Protein backbone atom coordinates (compact mmCIF):
# COMPACT_ATOMS: atom_id res chain seq x y z
CA MET A 1 109.51 61.61 108.69
CA THR A 2 107.34 62.29 105.93
CA ASP A 3 108.05 62.80 102.42
CA GLU A 4 107.73 66.33 102.46
CA ASP A 5 109.99 66.51 105.53
CA LEU A 6 112.71 64.43 103.59
CA MET A 7 112.43 67.11 100.94
CA ARG A 8 112.56 69.81 103.04
CA LEU A 9 116.11 68.30 104.38
CA ALA A 10 117.16 67.76 101.14
CA LEU A 11 116.18 71.19 100.07
CA GLU A 12 118.61 72.77 102.96
CA VAL A 13 121.43 70.35 101.66
CA ALA A 14 120.86 71.69 97.86
CA ALA A 15 121.22 75.39 99.25
CA GLY A 16 124.64 74.37 100.19
CA ALA A 17 125.58 73.40 96.88
CA ALA A 18 125.33 77.18 95.42
CA THR A 19 127.76 78.55 98.08
CA TRP A 20 130.54 76.29 96.49
CA GLY A 21 129.34 76.99 92.84
CA ASP A 22 127.47 73.85 91.98
CA VAL A 23 123.90 73.63 90.65
CA PRO A 24 121.57 73.49 94.06
CA VAL A 25 120.40 69.65 93.96
CA GLY A 26 119.74 67.83 97.20
CA ALA A 27 119.43 64.18 97.89
CA VAL A 28 118.54 62.32 100.95
CA VAL A 29 118.63 58.40 101.59
CA SER A 30 116.24 57.49 104.10
CA ASP A 31 115.39 53.69 105.45
CA ALA A 32 112.13 51.87 105.20
CA ASP A 33 111.33 53.57 108.58
CA GLY A 34 112.01 57.12 107.40
CA GLU A 35 115.04 57.52 109.08
CA VAL A 36 117.68 59.66 107.46
CA VAL A 37 120.76 57.53 106.32
CA SER A 38 122.99 59.82 104.21
CA THR A 39 122.61 63.34 102.66
CA ALA A 40 124.26 64.72 99.66
CA ALA A 41 124.43 68.13 97.25
CA ASN A 42 126.25 68.15 93.82
CA GLU A 43 129.89 68.38 94.12
CA ARG A 44 130.70 68.50 90.25
CA GLU A 45 132.32 71.95 90.43
CA ARG A 46 133.88 71.30 94.07
CA THR A 47 135.59 67.95 93.06
CA GLY A 48 135.75 68.09 89.16
CA ASP A 49 133.92 64.78 89.05
CA PRO A 50 131.15 64.46 86.38
CA THR A 51 129.35 61.88 88.47
CA ALA A 52 129.37 63.92 91.47
CA HIS A 53 125.71 64.35 91.54
CA ALA A 54 123.83 64.50 94.69
CA GLU A 55 121.97 61.38 94.11
CA VAL A 56 125.19 59.50 93.33
CA LEU A 57 127.01 60.88 96.24
CA ALA A 58 124.14 60.01 98.92
CA LEU A 59 124.01 56.23 97.25
CA ARG A 60 127.59 55.97 97.95
CA ARG A 61 127.21 57.24 101.48
CA ALA A 62 124.56 55.11 102.25
CA ALA A 63 126.08 52.17 101.22
CA ILE A 64 129.12 52.82 103.27
CA ARG A 65 126.87 53.57 106.26
CA THR A 66 124.68 50.43 105.67
CA GLY A 67 127.57 48.10 104.77
CA SER A 68 125.90 47.30 101.50
CA TRP A 69 125.41 48.29 98.09
CA ARG A 70 121.78 46.77 98.07
CA LEU A 71 119.56 49.68 99.48
CA SER A 72 116.55 47.75 99.30
CA GLY A 73 113.67 49.44 101.24
CA SER A 74 115.22 52.82 101.04
CA THR A 75 113.93 56.18 99.55
CA LEU A 76 115.83 58.44 97.62
CA THR A 77 114.44 62.12 97.98
CA VAL A 78 115.84 64.69 95.62
CA THR A 79 114.84 68.45 94.61
CA LEU A 80 115.29 67.35 91.06
CA GLU A 81 113.64 64.67 89.31
CA PRO A 82 116.99 62.38 88.33
CA CYS A 83 118.84 62.31 85.15
CA THR A 84 119.89 58.90 83.28
CA MET A 85 122.88 58.16 85.08
CA CYS A 86 121.34 58.74 88.57
CA ALA A 87 118.24 56.98 87.72
CA GLY A 88 120.60 53.84 86.44
CA ALA A 89 122.40 54.25 89.77
CA LEU A 90 118.82 54.18 91.63
CA VAL A 91 117.93 50.82 89.88
CA LEU A 92 121.32 49.15 90.77
CA ALA A 93 121.32 49.86 94.08
CA ARG A 94 117.44 48.35 94.53
CA VAL A 95 116.53 51.49 95.81
CA ALA A 96 112.49 50.91 96.72
CA ARG A 97 111.16 54.82 96.41
CA CYS A 98 112.17 57.78 94.47
CA VAL A 99 110.54 61.03 95.66
CA TYR A 100 111.70 64.27 93.61
CA GLY A 101 110.38 67.74 93.90
CA ALA A 102 110.88 69.69 90.37
CA ASP A 103 110.74 68.04 86.70
CA ASP A 104 113.72 68.31 84.76
CA ALA A 105 112.24 68.83 81.13
CA LYS A 106 115.70 68.74 79.32
CA ALA A 107 117.63 65.68 80.99
CA GLY A 108 114.72 64.11 83.50
CA ALA A 109 114.90 60.45 83.58
CA VAL A 110 111.94 59.31 85.82
CA GLY A 111 109.27 60.59 83.27
CA SER A 112 110.02 63.88 81.69
CA LEU A 113 112.42 62.38 78.78
CA TRP A 114 112.73 58.61 79.83
CA ASP A 115 111.32 56.26 82.32
CA VAL A 116 114.27 54.36 83.63
CA LEU A 117 112.69 53.83 87.12
CA ARG A 118 109.93 51.94 85.73
CA ASP A 119 111.50 50.41 82.74
CA ARG A 120 109.87 46.67 82.45
CA ARG A 121 112.98 45.57 80.66
CA LEU A 122 115.22 46.32 83.94
CA ASN A 123 115.85 43.93 86.78
CA HIS A 124 114.43 46.35 89.18
CA ARG A 125 111.81 49.20 89.34
CA VAL A 126 111.49 51.50 91.57
CA GLU A 127 108.01 53.32 92.64
CA VAL A 128 108.07 57.02 91.81
CA VAL A 129 106.57 60.23 93.79
CA GLY A 130 107.19 63.23 91.85
CA GLY A 131 105.96 67.11 92.33
CA VAL A 132 107.03 67.09 96.21
CA LEU A 133 107.44 70.74 97.12
CA ALA A 134 108.13 71.33 93.40
CA VAL A 135 107.66 74.93 93.91
CA GLU A 136 110.26 75.27 96.72
CA SER A 137 112.66 73.18 94.09
CA GLY A 138 112.26 75.17 91.25
CA VAL A 139 112.61 78.39 93.09
CA LEU A 140 115.94 77.25 94.31
CA LEU A 141 117.11 76.44 90.82
CA ARG A 142 115.49 79.75 89.01
CA ASP A 143 117.18 81.65 91.64
CA PHE A 144 120.59 79.78 91.07
CA PHE A 145 120.36 80.30 87.26
CA ALA A 146 119.10 83.55 86.83
CA PRO A 147 122.39 85.73 86.96
CA HIS A 148 123.83 83.55 84.20
CA ARG A 149 120.82 84.25 82.06
CA GLY A 150 121.11 87.20 79.73
């Protein structure tokens, strides 16, 4: 599957989060061959867990499915630029690539505010591809937040 194919799947998964009141962010972990290993959407509201971001849940599920916390060679595709927690999890899981859609000017840790994934002080660096289907990702988020704005 291509980056765009994986992002379309992440967008589908993200849309589900809005149905239970969570910010619609979706993530997909794929292996080195581009095959889907796991998917997840935000579940913070659903579970009451502040760490239940789509990226963290997708990484947990991928680790269970592969039997290893080391997800070397894998790609995480996510609809919104990861925050510091999620970026740190990507580094710790040894993910090879992060593909994301929309930039996050308020909390992005993959270039917007920080660049955790490419920080040379860390023991692992992640290749970053940003802006994949960014318009579609942004529309999903804007549509979710529109009723909450005055």
